[in-house]
Amino acid sequence: MMKLRELAHARTGDKGDVSNISVITYQPGDYAWLLQHVTADRVQAHFAAFVRGPVRRYELPGLGALNFVLEGALGGGVTRSLALDQHGKSLSSSLLDMEIPDRA
């Protein structure tokens, strides 16, 4: 197993109670591996403790990126929540710690 951060970096944003996390490969050849192993279901399970809504994945093959939209992820909204660790930048760092299978 390896950490997602070994193949990709992330960018985030948040608006209201929705967090947006883009996972971008360092190498274009790793995009297919991410498609297979970084699914909406796996991201939902990774954040199961506090993401209350659905997780949707959007594929951006031209950028070698996956974009995840996490609804109900910010404790009611960034300006309403006292949980600083749930803001977008912290969520992206947590997602990059997700373990995925080693490349063959």
Protein backbone atom coordinates (compact mmCIF):
# COMPACT_ATOMS: atom_id res chain seq x y z
CA MET A 1 0.00 0.00 0.00
CA MET A 2 1.04 3.59 -0.56
CA LYS A 3 -0.30 7.03 0.33
CA LEU A 4 -2.22 8.92 -2.32
CA ARG A 5 0.20 11.85 -1.84
CA GLU A 6 2.92 9.78 -3.52
CA LEU A 7 1.09 10.09 -6.86
CA ALA A 8 -0.82 13.34 -6.53
CA HIS A 9 -1.28 16.70 -4.90
CA ALA A 10 -4.55 18.45 -4.07
CA ARG A 11 -6.31 21.81 -4.29
CA THR A 12 -9.41 22.70 -2.32
CA GLY A 13 -12.18 25.16 -1.91
CA ASP A 14 -15.25 25.46 0.21
CA LYS A 15 -18.52 27.30 -0.04
CA GLY A 16 -21.22 27.02 2.57
CA ASP A 17 -21.39 23.42 3.72
CA VAL A 18 -19.73 22.01 0.58
CA SER A 19 -16.06 21.17 0.16
CA ASN A 20 -14.42 20.71 -3.21
CA ILE A 21 -11.19 18.69 -3.44
CA SER A 22 -9.23 18.25 -6.66
CA VAL A 23 -6.63 15.48 -6.75
CA ILE A 24 -4.07 16.10 -9.49
CA THR A 25 -1.48 13.56 -10.60
CA TYR A 26 2.19 14.49 -10.72
CA GLN A 27 2.67 12.24 -13.77
CA PRO A 28 0.05 11.88 -16.53
CA GLY A 29 0.61 8.12 -16.61
CA ASP A 30 -0.78 7.79 -13.08
CA TYR A 31 -4.23 9.12 -13.97
CA ALA A 32 -5.66 5.69 -14.90
CA TRP A 33 -4.46 4.31 -11.54
CA LEU A 34 -6.27 7.09 -9.70
CA LEU A 35 -9.44 6.49 -11.73
CA GLN A 36 -9.43 2.89 -10.57
CA HIS A 37 -8.52 3.39 -6.91
CA VAL A 38 -9.77 6.82 -5.84
CA THR A 39 -13.51 6.43 -6.20
CA ALA A 40 -16.36 8.47 -4.76
CA ASP A 41 -17.24 5.52 -2.53
CA ARG A 42 -13.69 5.31 -1.14
CA VAL A 43 -13.60 9.07 -0.51
CA GLN A 44 -17.02 8.87 1.18
CA ALA A 45 -15.75 6.06 3.42
CA HIS A 46 -12.53 7.97 4.18
CA PHE A 47 -14.57 10.94 5.46
CA ALA A 48 -17.47 8.93 6.93
CA ALA A 49 -17.00 10.43 10.40
CA PHE A 50 -18.19 13.87 9.37
CA VAL A 51 -19.31 14.15 5.72
CA ARG A 52 -23.09 13.99 6.00
CA GLY A 53 -24.05 14.25 2.33
CA PRO A 54 -23.13 12.59 -0.93
CA VAL A 55 -19.68 12.62 -2.50
CA ARG A 56 -19.57 13.11 -6.27
CA ARG A 57 -16.52 12.55 -8.46
CA TYR A 58 -15.84 14.44 -11.67
CA GLU A 59 -13.13 13.26 -14.05
CA LEU A 60 -10.79 15.74 -15.74
CA PRO A 61 -8.55 13.59 -17.96
CA GLY A 62 -7.04 16.56 -19.80
CA LEU A 63 -5.68 17.81 -16.47
CA GLY A 64 -4.92 14.39 -15.00
CA ALA A 65 -7.26 15.28 -12.16
CA LEU A 66 -10.27 14.07 -10.23
CA ASN A 67 -12.56 16.57 -8.56
CA PHE A 68 -14.61 15.51 -5.53
CA VAL A 69 -17.57 17.49 -4.24
CA LEU A 70 -18.40 16.66 -0.62
CA GLU A 71 -21.79 17.90 0.54
CA GLY A 72 -22.52 18.36 4.22
CA ALA A 73 -18.79 18.34 4.91
CA LEU A 74 -18.20 21.53 6.84
CA GLY A 75 -20.34 21.31 9.95
CA GLY A 76 -23.03 23.64 8.57
CA GLY A 77 -20.57 25.94 6.79
CA VAL A 78 -17.11 27.35 7.27
CA THR A 79 -18.28 30.54 8.98
CA ARG A 80 -20.70 28.64 11.23
CA SER A 81 -18.48 25.76 12.31
CA LEU A 82 -16.09 25.74 15.24
CA ALA A 83 -14.33 22.68 13.79
CA LEU A 84 -11.34 24.26 12.06
CA ASP A 85 -10.00 20.84 11.09
CA GLN A 86 -12.93 20.35 8.71
CA HIS A 87 -12.09 23.23 6.40
CA GLY A 88 -11.03 22.49 2.84
CA LYS A 89 -7.26 22.59 3.23
CA SER A 90 -7.35 20.14 6.12
CA LEU A 91 -9.66 17.83 4.22
CA SER A 92 -7.33 17.73 1.22
CA SER A 93 -4.37 16.86 3.44
CA SER A 94 -6.41 14.09 5.02
CA LEU A 95 -7.45 12.74 1.62
CA LEU A 96 -3.81 12.61 0.49
CA ASP A 97 -3.15 10.31 3.46
CA MET A 98 -5.61 7.77 2.07
CA GLU A 99 -3.92 4.47 1.27
CA ILE A 100 -4.16 3.05 -2.23
CA PRO A 101 -2.60 -0.10 -3.69
CA ASP A 102 0.97 0.11 -4.91
CA ARG A 103 1.38 0.38 -8.65
CA ALA A 104 2.30 -2.93 -10.23
